[in-house]
Amino acid sequence: MKATATALLALLAVVGVASAQAAQALPQRTRVRITPADPSPVIVGELIAVSDSILMVRRQRGGGDITIPRSLVQRLEVSRGTRRGANAGWGALVGLVVGGAIGYAGGNDHCYDSWFCFDRPSAALLGGATGVAAGSLVGLVVGSFERWRDAEVPASLSVVPTGEGSMSIGGRIAF
């Protein structure tokens, strides 16, 4: 009975670790940035293949495929993409509010004796339109930078019964 319980516990541990590791695995064609341990330049590209000993990456800008030993990988990051549209929208909204407020404050309701004068509502409209254009442009530029997150380094642990009342424990760390 004790051996059966030990074997069942070991099986549950292995299945649990295997399913957790599968959920954290990096899929192929993921955009990655690799910082090597040596003073080599940072490698940015698309992940093609992963094994226990190497990472194969298709470099951006036609640089070809490169194979990197895992032992040389100091840092592995995954692209989260850009936020051009969202940042341009937020920039437009902020520009509308700020530009409209500045335009309203700079407007003049007494335009009787001046040849170039805007009343407050017209100045607010002009300031808001200018703010939308400027804010959208700033948001577009700021949002075009690619965002990165560190890739998790999943660890695996296996517990296997080796005989009557004994177990073997093994571990592995992999990307």
N, C-alpha and C. Protein backbone atom coordinates (compact mmCIF):
# COMPACT_ATOMS: atom_id res chain seq x y z
N MET A 1 0.82 -1.19 0.00
CA MET A 1 0.00 0.00 0.00
C MET A 1 0.87 1.25 0.00
N LYS A 2 1.97 1.22 0.81
CA LYS A 2 2.84 2.38 0.89
C LYS A 2 3.52 2.66 -0.45
N ALA A 3 3.94 1.63 -1.15
CA ALA A 3 4.58 1.79 -2.45
C ALA A 3 3.59 2.34 -3.47
N THR A 4 2.34 1.90 -3.41
CA THR A 4 1.32 2.40 -4.34
C THR A 4 1.05 3.89 -4.09
N ALA A 5 0.97 4.27 -2.83
CA ALA A 5 0.74 5.69 -2.50
C ALA A 5 1.92 6.54 -2.95
N THR A 6 3.13 6.04 -2.76
CA THR A 6 4.32 6.76 -3.18
C THR A 6 4.35 6.92 -4.70
N ALA A 7 4.03 5.86 -5.41
CA ALA A 7 4.01 5.91 -6.87
C ALA A 7 2.94 6.88 -7.37
N LEU A 8 1.78 6.88 -6.74
CA LEU A 8 0.71 7.79 -7.13
C LEU A 8 1.11 9.24 -6.88
N LEU A 9 1.75 9.50 -5.76
CA LEU A 9 2.21 10.85 -5.43
C LEU A 9 3.25 11.32 -6.44
N ALA A 10 4.16 10.44 -6.79
CA ALA A 10 5.20 10.77 -7.76
C ALA A 10 4.59 11.06 -9.13
N LEU A 11 3.61 10.26 -9.54
CA LEU A 11 2.95 10.46 -10.82
C LEU A 11 2.23 11.80 -10.86
N LEU A 12 1.54 12.16 -9.79
CA LEU A 12 0.86 13.45 -9.73
C LEU A 12 1.84 14.60 -9.79
N ALA A 13 2.97 14.48 -9.13
CA ALA A 13 3.99 15.53 -9.15
C ALA A 13 4.54 15.72 -10.56
N VAL A 14 4.84 14.62 -11.24
CA VAL A 14 5.39 14.70 -12.60
C VAL A 14 4.36 15.29 -13.56
N VAL A 15 3.12 14.86 -13.49
CA VAL A 15 2.07 15.38 -14.37
C VAL A 15 1.84 16.86 -14.12
N GLY A 16 1.83 17.28 -12.85
CA GLY A 16 1.62 18.68 -12.51
C GLY A 16 2.74 19.56 -13.03
N VAL A 17 3.99 19.11 -12.88
CA VAL A 17 5.12 19.89 -13.37
C VAL A 17 5.13 19.92 -14.88
N ALA A 18 4.83 18.81 -15.52
CA ALA A 18 4.82 18.77 -16.98
C ALA A 18 3.76 19.70 -17.55
N SER A 19 2.58 19.75 -16.96
CA SER A 19 1.54 20.63 -17.48
C SER A 19 1.89 22.09 -17.22
N ALA A 20 2.51 22.41 -16.09
CA ALA A 20 2.92 23.79 -15.82
C ALA A 20 4.01 24.22 -16.78
N GLN A 21 4.93 23.31 -17.11
CA GLN A 21 6.01 23.65 -18.02
C GLN A 21 5.47 23.84 -19.43
N ALA A 22 4.50 23.05 -19.85
CA ALA A 22 3.95 23.19 -21.19
C ALA A 22 3.24 24.52 -21.35
N ALA A 23 2.63 25.04 -20.30
CA ALA A 23 1.92 26.30 -20.38
C ALA A 23 2.87 27.47 -20.53
N GLN A 24 4.13 27.33 -20.04
CA GLN A 24 5.08 28.42 -20.09
C GLN A 24 6.02 28.35 -21.29
N ALA A 25 5.95 27.32 -22.10
CA ALA A 25 6.85 27.16 -23.23
C ALA A 25 6.63 28.27 -24.25
N LEU A 26 7.71 28.70 -24.90
CA LEU A 26 7.61 29.73 -25.92
C LEU A 26 7.23 29.08 -27.25
N PRO A 27 6.17 29.56 -27.87
CA PRO A 27 5.81 28.98 -29.17
C PRO A 27 6.77 29.46 -30.26
N GLN A 28 6.87 28.68 -31.30
CA GLN A 28 7.68 29.07 -32.45
C GLN A 28 7.08 30.31 -33.08
N ARG A 29 7.91 31.06 -33.79
CA ARG A 29 7.55 32.29 -34.49
C ARG A 29 7.26 33.44 -33.52
N THR A 30 7.66 33.28 -32.25
CA THR A 30 7.56 34.35 -31.27
C THR A 30 8.72 35.31 -31.51
N ARG A 31 8.44 36.60 -31.46
CA ARG A 31 9.50 37.60 -31.62
C ARG A 31 10.26 37.71 -30.30
N VAL A 32 11.58 37.49 -30.36
CA VAL A 32 12.40 37.46 -29.15
C VAL A 32 13.60 38.41 -29.29
N ARG A 33 14.13 38.78 -28.12
CA ARG A 33 15.38 39.55 -28.05
C ARG A 33 16.28 38.80 -27.09
N ILE A 34 17.47 38.44 -27.57
CA ILE A 34 18.41 37.63 -26.78
C ILE A 34 19.65 38.45 -26.50
N THR A 35 20.00 38.53 -25.22
CA THR A 35 21.24 39.18 -24.80
C THR A 35 22.23 38.08 -24.47
N PRO A 36 23.30 37.95 -25.28
CA PRO A 36 24.29 36.90 -25.01
C PRO A 36 25.14 37.23 -23.79
N ALA A 37 25.73 36.19 -23.20
CA ALA A 37 26.59 36.37 -22.03
C ALA A 37 27.91 37.03 -22.41
N ASP A 38 28.40 36.76 -23.61
CA ASP A 38 29.65 37.39 -24.05
C ASP A 38 29.33 38.78 -24.63
N PRO A 39 30.32 39.55 -24.99
CA PRO A 39 30.05 40.92 -25.46
C PRO A 39 29.49 41.00 -26.89
N SER A 40 28.88 39.95 -27.37
CA SER A 40 28.26 39.98 -28.69
C SER A 40 27.06 40.92 -28.68
N PRO A 41 26.65 41.43 -29.85
CA PRO A 41 25.49 42.31 -29.89
C PRO A 41 24.19 41.56 -29.58
N VAL A 42 23.19 42.31 -29.16
CA VAL A 42 21.87 41.75 -28.88
C VAL A 42 21.27 41.22 -30.17
N ILE A 43 20.61 40.08 -30.10
CA ILE A 43 20.00 39.44 -31.27
C ILE A 43 18.49 39.60 -31.17
N VAL A 44 17.89 40.17 -32.22
CA VAL A 44 16.43 40.33 -32.27
C VAL A 44 15.94 39.57 -33.49
N GLY A 45 14.91 38.76 -33.30
CA GLY A 45 14.37 38.01 -34.42
C GLY A 45 13.21 37.13 -34.00
N GLU A 46 12.91 36.19 -34.88
CA GLU A 46 11.78 35.28 -34.70
C GLU A 46 12.30 33.91 -34.28
N LEU A 47 11.76 33.39 -33.19
CA LEU A 47 12.18 32.08 -32.68
C LEU A 47 11.72 31.00 -33.65
N ILE A 48 12.68 30.21 -34.13
CA ILE A 48 12.35 29.14 -35.09
C ILE A 48 12.28 27.79 -34.40
N ALA A 49 13.28 27.49 -33.55
CA ALA A 49 13.32 26.19 -32.90
C ALA A 49 13.99 26.31 -31.54
N VAL A 50 13.58 25.43 -30.64
CA VAL A 50 14.13 25.38 -29.29
C VAL A 50 14.43 23.93 -28.96
N SER A 51 15.61 23.68 -28.41
CA SER A 51 15.93 22.33 -27.93
C SER A 51 16.56 22.48 -26.55
N ASP A 52 17.00 21.37 -25.99
CA ASP A 52 17.62 21.41 -24.67
C ASP A 52 18.94 22.17 -24.68
N SER A 53 19.59 22.26 -25.84
CA SER A 53 20.92 22.87 -25.87
C SER A 53 21.02 24.15 -26.69
N ILE A 54 20.07 24.41 -27.58
CA ILE A 54 20.19 25.58 -28.47
C ILE A 54 18.87 26.32 -28.65
N LEU A 55 18.99 27.56 -29.10
CA LEU A 55 17.86 28.35 -29.60
C LEU A 55 18.21 28.73 -31.03
N MET A 56 17.26 28.56 -31.94
CA MET A 56 17.50 28.98 -33.32
C MET A 56 16.57 30.16 -33.62
N VAL A 57 17.17 31.25 -34.09
CA VAL A 57 16.45 32.49 -34.31
C VAL A 57 16.68 32.97 -35.74
N ARG A 58 15.61 33.41 -36.38
CA ARG A 58 15.72 34.06 -37.70
C ARG A 58 15.84 35.55 -37.43
N ARG A 59 17.02 36.11 -37.68
CA ARG A 59 17.28 37.51 -37.37
C ARG A 59 16.45 38.44 -38.25
N GLN A 60 16.16 39.60 -37.70
CA GLN A 60 15.38 40.59 -38.46
C GLN A 60 16.27 41.24 -39.50
N ARG A 61 15.65 41.89 -40.44
CA ARG A 61 16.33 42.62 -41.52
C ARG A 61 17.22 41.72 -42.37
N GLY A 62 16.74 40.51 -42.65
CA GLY A 62 17.45 39.63 -43.57
C GLY A 62 18.80 39.16 -43.09
N GLY A 63 18.99 39.07 -41.80
CA GLY A 63 20.28 38.66 -41.25
C GLY A 63 20.51 37.16 -41.29
N GLY A 64 19.51 36.39 -41.70
CA GLY A 64 19.65 34.95 -41.74
C GLY A 64 19.37 34.29 -40.40
N ASP A 65 19.49 32.97 -40.39
CA ASP A 65 19.23 32.20 -39.17
C ASP A 65 20.51 32.09 -38.35
N ILE A 66 20.33 32.09 -37.03
CA ILE A 66 21.48 31.95 -36.14
C ILE A 66 21.13 30.95 -35.05
N THR A 67 22.10 30.12 -34.70
CA THR A 67 21.93 29.13 -33.64
C THR A 67 22.73 29.60 -32.43
N ILE A 68 22.05 29.70 -31.29
CA ILE A 68 22.69 30.21 -30.08
C ILE A 68 22.66 29.11 -29.02
N PRO A 69 23.80 28.71 -28.51
CA PRO A 69 23.80 27.74 -27.40
C PRO A 69 23.13 28.36 -26.17
N ARG A 70 22.32 27.58 -25.48
CA ARG A 70 21.63 28.08 -24.28
C ARG A 70 22.61 28.57 -23.23
N SER A 71 23.77 27.97 -23.18
CA SER A 71 24.75 28.37 -22.17
C SER A 71 25.24 29.80 -22.39
N LEU A 72 25.09 30.34 -23.59
CA LEU A 72 25.52 31.71 -23.88
C LEU A 72 24.40 32.73 -23.73
N VAL A 73 23.19 32.30 -23.42
CA VAL A 73 22.05 33.22 -23.29
C VAL A 73 22.02 33.78 -21.87
N GLN A 74 22.25 35.10 -21.78
CA GLN A 74 22.19 35.75 -20.47
C GLN A 74 20.78 36.21 -20.16
N ARG A 75 20.06 36.70 -21.19
CA ARG A 75 18.70 37.21 -20.99
C ARG A 75 17.87 36.91 -22.23
N LEU A 76 16.64 36.48 -22.00
CA LEU A 76 15.70 36.19 -23.09
C LEU A 76 14.43 37.00 -22.85
N GLU A 77 14.04 37.80 -23.85
CA GLU A 77 12.85 38.64 -23.73
C GLU A 77 11.90 38.35 -24.89
N VAL A 78 10.61 38.52 -24.63
CA VAL A 78 9.58 38.30 -25.63
C VAL A 78 8.90 39.63 -25.94
N SER A 79 8.65 39.88 -27.21
CA SER A 79 8.02 41.14 -27.62
C SER A 79 6.56 41.19 -27.20
N ARG A 80 6.16 42.34 -26.68
CA ARG A 80 4.75 42.58 -26.36
C ARG A 80 4.11 43.47 -27.43
N GLY A 81 4.87 43.78 -28.49
CA GLY A 81 4.35 44.59 -29.58
C GLY A 81 4.45 46.08 -29.30
N THR A 82 3.78 46.84 -30.12
CA THR A 82 3.75 48.28 -29.97
C THR A 82 2.34 48.72 -29.63
N ARG A 83 2.18 49.98 -29.25
CA ARG A 83 0.87 50.52 -28.89
C ARG A 83 0.64 51.83 -29.63
N ARG A 84 0.93 51.85 -30.92
CA ARG A 84 0.79 53.08 -31.70
C ARG A 84 -0.61 53.65 -31.66
N GLY A 85 -1.60 52.82 -31.95
CA GLY A 85 -2.98 53.29 -32.02
C GLY A 85 -3.49 53.78 -30.68
N ALA A 86 -3.24 53.01 -29.62
CA ALA A 86 -3.72 53.40 -28.30
C ALA A 86 -3.04 54.68 -27.82
N ASN A 87 -1.73 54.78 -28.03
CA ASN A 87 -1.02 55.98 -27.59
C ASN A 87 -1.41 57.19 -28.42
N ALA A 88 -1.67 57.01 -29.71
CA ALA A 88 -2.13 58.13 -30.53
C ALA A 88 -3.50 58.60 -30.06
N GLY A 89 -4.37 57.69 -29.68
CA GLY A 89 -5.69 58.05 -29.16
C GLY A 89 -5.61 58.82 -27.85
N TRP A 90 -4.77 58.34 -26.93
CA TRP A 90 -4.59 59.06 -25.66
C TRP A 90 -3.95 60.42 -25.89
N GLY A 91 -2.99 60.49 -26.80
CA GLY A 91 -2.36 61.77 -27.11
C GLY A 91 -3.35 62.76 -27.69
N ALA A 92 -4.26 62.28 -28.55
CA ALA A 92 -5.28 63.15 -29.13
C ALA A 92 -6.23 63.67 -28.05
N LEU A 93 -6.61 62.80 -27.13
CA LEU A 93 -7.52 63.22 -26.06
C LEU A 93 -6.87 64.26 -25.15
N VAL A 94 -5.64 64.01 -24.74
CA VAL A 94 -4.93 64.97 -23.89
C VAL A 94 -4.71 66.28 -24.65
N GLY A 95 -4.34 66.18 -25.93
CA GLY A 95 -4.14 67.38 -26.74
C GLY A 95 -5.41 68.19 -26.89
N LEU A 96 -6.55 67.52 -27.03
CA LEU A 96 -7.84 68.22 -27.14
C LEU A 96 -8.14 69.01 -25.88
N VAL A 97 -7.96 68.37 -24.73
CA VAL A 97 -8.26 69.03 -23.46
C VAL A 97 -7.29 70.19 -23.20
N VAL A 98 -6.00 69.91 -23.31
CA VAL A 98 -5.00 70.95 -23.01
C VAL A 98 -5.07 72.07 -24.04
N GLY A 99 -5.12 71.72 -25.32
CA GLY A 99 -5.20 72.75 -26.36
C GLY A 99 -6.47 73.58 -26.27
N GLY A 100 -7.58 72.93 -25.96
CA GLY A 100 -8.84 73.66 -25.80
C GLY A 100 -8.80 74.61 -24.63
N ALA A 101 -8.21 74.17 -23.51
CA ALA A 101 -8.11 75.03 -22.32
C ALA A 101 -7.19 76.22 -22.59
N ILE A 102 -6.06 75.98 -23.23
CA ILE A 102 -5.14 77.09 -23.55
C ILE A 102 -5.79 78.04 -24.53
N GLY A 103 -6.47 77.49 -25.54
CA GLY A 103 -7.16 78.36 -26.51
C GLY A 103 -8.24 79.20 -25.86
N TYR A 104 -9.00 78.60 -24.98
CA TYR A 104 -10.06 79.34 -24.30
C TYR A 104 -9.47 80.44 -23.43
N ALA A 105 -8.39 80.11 -22.71
CA ALA A 105 -7.76 81.12 -21.85
C ALA A 105 -7.13 82.24 -22.66
N GLY A 106 -6.67 81.95 -23.86
CA GLY A 106 -6.03 82.97 -24.69
C GLY A 106 -7.00 83.75 -25.55
N GLY A 107 -8.24 83.33 -25.60
CA GLY A 107 -9.24 84.03 -26.42
C GLY A 107 -9.63 85.37 -25.80
N ASN A 108 -10.25 86.19 -26.62
CA ASN A 108 -10.64 87.53 -26.17
C ASN A 108 -12.08 87.76 -26.60
N ASP A 109 -12.94 88.06 -25.64
CA ASP A 109 -14.34 88.30 -25.97
C ASP A 109 -14.60 89.73 -26.45
N HIS A 110 -13.62 90.58 -26.40
CA HIS A 110 -13.78 91.98 -26.82
C HIS A 110 -12.92 92.22 -28.06
N CYS A 111 -13.41 91.80 -29.18
CA CYS A 111 -12.66 91.89 -30.44
C CYS A 111 -13.18 93.03 -31.31
N TYR A 112 -13.60 94.13 -30.75
CA TYR A 112 -14.22 95.20 -31.54
C TYR A 112 -13.20 96.04 -32.28
N ASP A 113 -12.04 96.28 -31.69
CA ASP A 113 -11.10 97.20 -32.29
C ASP A 113 -9.86 96.53 -32.86
N SER A 114 -9.82 95.21 -32.95
CA SER A 114 -8.65 94.49 -33.43
C SER A 114 -8.97 93.79 -34.74
N TRP A 115 -8.01 93.79 -35.65
CA TRP A 115 -8.25 93.13 -36.94
C TRP A 115 -7.98 91.64 -36.87
N PHE A 116 -7.19 91.16 -35.88
CA PHE A 116 -6.90 89.74 -35.73
C PHE A 116 -7.21 89.33 -34.30
N CYS A 117 -8.37 88.76 -34.10
CA CYS A 117 -8.82 88.42 -32.76
C CYS A 117 -9.77 87.22 -32.82
N PHE A 118 -9.65 86.34 -31.84
CA PHE A 118 -10.56 85.20 -31.74
C PHE A 118 -11.33 85.30 -30.44
N ASP A 119 -12.63 85.09 -30.52
CA ASP A 119 -13.38 85.03 -29.26
C ASP A 119 -13.06 83.71 -28.56
N ARG A 120 -13.45 83.56 -27.31
CA ARG A 120 -13.06 82.38 -26.51
C ARG A 120 -13.52 81.05 -27.13
N PRO A 121 -14.76 80.90 -27.55
CA PRO A 121 -15.15 79.61 -28.15
C PRO A 121 -14.36 79.27 -29.42
N SER A 122 -14.12 80.26 -30.27
CA SER A 122 -13.34 80.00 -31.50
C SER A 122 -11.90 79.65 -31.16
N ALA A 123 -11.31 80.35 -30.18
CA ALA A 123 -9.94 80.06 -29.78
C ALA A 123 -9.84 78.67 -29.14
N ALA A 124 -10.85 78.29 -28.36
CA ALA A 124 -10.86 76.95 -27.76
C ALA A 124 -10.95 75.89 -28.84
N LEU A 125 -11.77 76.12 -29.86
CA LEU A 125 -11.89 75.17 -30.97
C LEU A 125 -10.58 75.04 -31.74
N LEU A 126 -9.95 76.18 -32.03
CA LEU A 126 -8.68 76.17 -32.75
C LEU A 126 -7.58 75.51 -31.90
N GLY A 127 -7.53 75.84 -30.62
CA GLY A 127 -6.54 75.23 -29.73
C GLY A 127 -6.76 73.73 -29.56
N GLY A 128 -8.02 73.32 -29.47
CA GLY A 128 -8.32 71.89 -29.36
C GLY A 128 -7.93 71.12 -30.60
N ALA A 129 -8.19 71.70 -31.78
CA ALA A 129 -7.83 71.03 -33.03
C ALA A 129 -6.30 70.91 -33.17
N THR A 130 -5.61 71.98 -32.79
CA THR A 130 -4.15 71.94 -32.83
C THR A 130 -3.62 70.92 -31.83
N GLY A 131 -4.22 70.87 -30.64
CA GLY A 131 -3.81 69.91 -29.62
C GLY A 131 -4.04 68.47 -30.05
N VAL A 132 -5.15 68.21 -30.73
CA VAL A 132 -5.44 66.86 -31.24
C VAL A 132 -4.36 66.43 -32.22
N ALA A 133 -4.01 67.32 -33.14
CA ALA A 133 -2.99 66.99 -34.14
C ALA A 133 -1.64 66.73 -33.48
N ALA A 134 -1.23 67.63 -32.59
CA ALA A 134 0.08 67.48 -31.94
C ALA A 134 0.09 66.27 -31.00
N GLY A 135 -0.97 66.08 -30.22
CA GLY A 135 -1.03 64.94 -29.30
C GLY A 135 -1.03 63.60 -30.02
N SER A 136 -1.74 63.53 -31.14
CA SER A 136 -1.76 62.28 -31.93
C SER A 136 -0.37 61.95 -32.45
N LEU A 137 0.32 62.97 -32.93
CA LEU A 137 1.66 62.76 -33.47
C LEU A 137 2.63 62.30 -32.37
N VAL A 138 2.58 62.95 -31.23
CA VAL A 138 3.45 62.56 -30.11
C VAL A 138 3.11 61.14 -29.66
N GLY A 139 1.83 60.83 -29.52
CA GLY A 139 1.42 59.49 -29.10
C GLY A 139 1.83 58.43 -30.10
N LEU A 140 1.77 58.75 -31.38
CA LEU A 140 2.18 57.81 -32.42
C LEU A 140 3.67 57.52 -32.33
N VAL A 141 4.46 58.55 -32.11
CA VAL A 141 5.92 58.36 -32.00
C VAL A 141 6.26 57.58 -30.74
N VAL A 142 5.68 57.96 -29.62
CA VAL A 142 5.97 57.27 -28.36
C VAL A 142 5.49 55.82 -28.42
N GLY A 143 4.35 55.57 -29.02
CA GLY A 143 3.79 54.22 -29.08
C GLY A 143 4.47 53.31 -30.07
N SER A 144 5.35 53.84 -30.92
CA SER A 144 5.98 53.00 -31.93
C SER A 144 7.17 52.21 -31.39
N PHE A 145 7.58 52.49 -30.17
CA PHE A 145 8.67 51.72 -29.57
C PHE A 145 8.14 50.36 -29.12
N GLU A 146 8.90 49.33 -29.46
CA GLU A 146 8.50 47.96 -29.11
C GLU A 146 8.71 47.73 -27.61
N ARG A 147 7.75 47.08 -26.99
CA ARG A 147 7.81 46.78 -25.56
C ARG A 147 8.22 45.32 -25.39
N TRP A 148 9.04 45.05 -24.38
CA TRP A 148 9.56 43.71 -24.14
C TRP A 148 9.28 43.28 -22.72
N ARG A 149 9.13 41.98 -22.52
CA ARG A 149 9.00 41.41 -21.19
C ARG A 149 9.98 40.25 -21.09
N ASP A 150 10.53 40.07 -19.89
CA ASP A 150 11.44 38.96 -19.67
C ASP A 150 10.68 37.65 -19.79
N ALA A 151 11.30 36.70 -20.47
CA ALA A 151 10.69 35.37 -20.59
C ALA A 151 10.98 34.60 -19.31
N GLU A 152 9.99 33.89 -18.86
CA GLU A 152 10.14 33.05 -17.67
C GLU A 152 11.07 31.89 -18.01
N VAL A 153 11.86 31.52 -17.06
CA VAL A 153 12.70 30.34 -17.21
C VAL A 153 12.05 29.23 -16.40
N PRO A 154 11.24 28.39 -17.05
CA PRO A 154 10.55 27.36 -16.29
C PRO A 154 11.51 26.31 -15.76
N ALA A 155 11.28 25.88 -14.59
CA ALA A 155 12.08 24.81 -13.99
C ALA A 155 11.22 23.56 -13.93
N SER A 156 11.82 22.43 -14.14
CA SER A 156 11.05 21.20 -14.03
C SER A 156 11.68 20.32 -12.95
N LEU A 157 10.85 19.63 -12.27
CA LEU A 157 11.28 18.73 -11.21
C LEU A 157 10.53 17.43 -11.38
N SER A 158 11.25 16.36 -11.38
CA SER A 158 10.58 15.06 -11.50
C SER A 158 10.93 14.21 -10.29
N VAL A 159 9.93 13.52 -9.81
CA VAL A 159 10.09 12.60 -8.69
C VAL A 159 9.65 11.23 -9.18
N VAL A 160 10.56 10.28 -9.15
CA VAL A 160 10.27 8.96 -9.70
C VAL A 160 10.64 7.90 -8.65
N PRO A 161 9.71 6.97 -8.37
CA PRO A 161 10.08 5.89 -7.43
C PRO A 161 11.08 4.96 -8.10
N THR A 162 12.13 4.60 -7.34
CA THR A 162 13.18 3.74 -7.89
C THR A 162 13.16 2.34 -7.30
N GLY A 163 12.36 2.11 -6.30
CA GLY A 163 12.31 0.79 -5.69
C GLY A 163 11.44 0.85 -4.45
N GLU A 164 11.49 -0.19 -3.68
CA GLU A 164 10.68 -0.27 -2.47
C GLU A 164 11.11 0.79 -1.47
N GLY A 165 10.27 1.83 -1.32
CA GLY A 165 10.50 2.86 -0.32
C GLY A 165 11.55 3.90 -0.68
N SER A 166 12.01 3.94 -1.94
CA SER A 166 13.01 4.95 -2.32
C SER A 166 12.53 5.71 -3.55
N MET A 167 13.03 6.93 -3.70
CA MET A 167 12.64 7.78 -4.83
C MET A 167 13.87 8.45 -5.42
N SER A 168 13.75 8.83 -6.67
CA SER A 168 14.81 9.58 -7.34
C SER A 168 14.24 10.95 -7.71
N ILE A 169 15.00 11.99 -7.42
CA ILE A 169 14.56 13.35 -7.73
C ILE A 169 15.52 13.93 -8.74
N GLY A 170 14.96 14.48 -9.82
CA GLY A 170 15.77 15.11 -10.86
C GLY A 170 15.23 16.48 -11.20
N GLY A 171 16.09 17.37 -11.60
CA GLY A 171 15.64 18.72 -11.95
C GLY A 171 16.28 19.19 -13.24
N ARG A 172 15.65 20.21 -13.84
CA ARG A 172 16.15 20.77 -15.08
C ARG A 172 15.64 22.19 -15.18
N ILE A 173 16.49 23.09 -15.62
CA ILE A 173 16.07 24.46 -15.88
C ILE A 173 16.24 24.68 -17.38
N ALA A 174 15.20 25.20 -18.01
CA ALA A 174 15.23 25.41 -19.45
C ALA A 174 14.45 26.64 -19.81
N PHE A 175 14.70 27.16 -21.00
CA PHE A 175 13.94 28.32 -21.50
C PHE A 175 12.66 27.85 -22.11
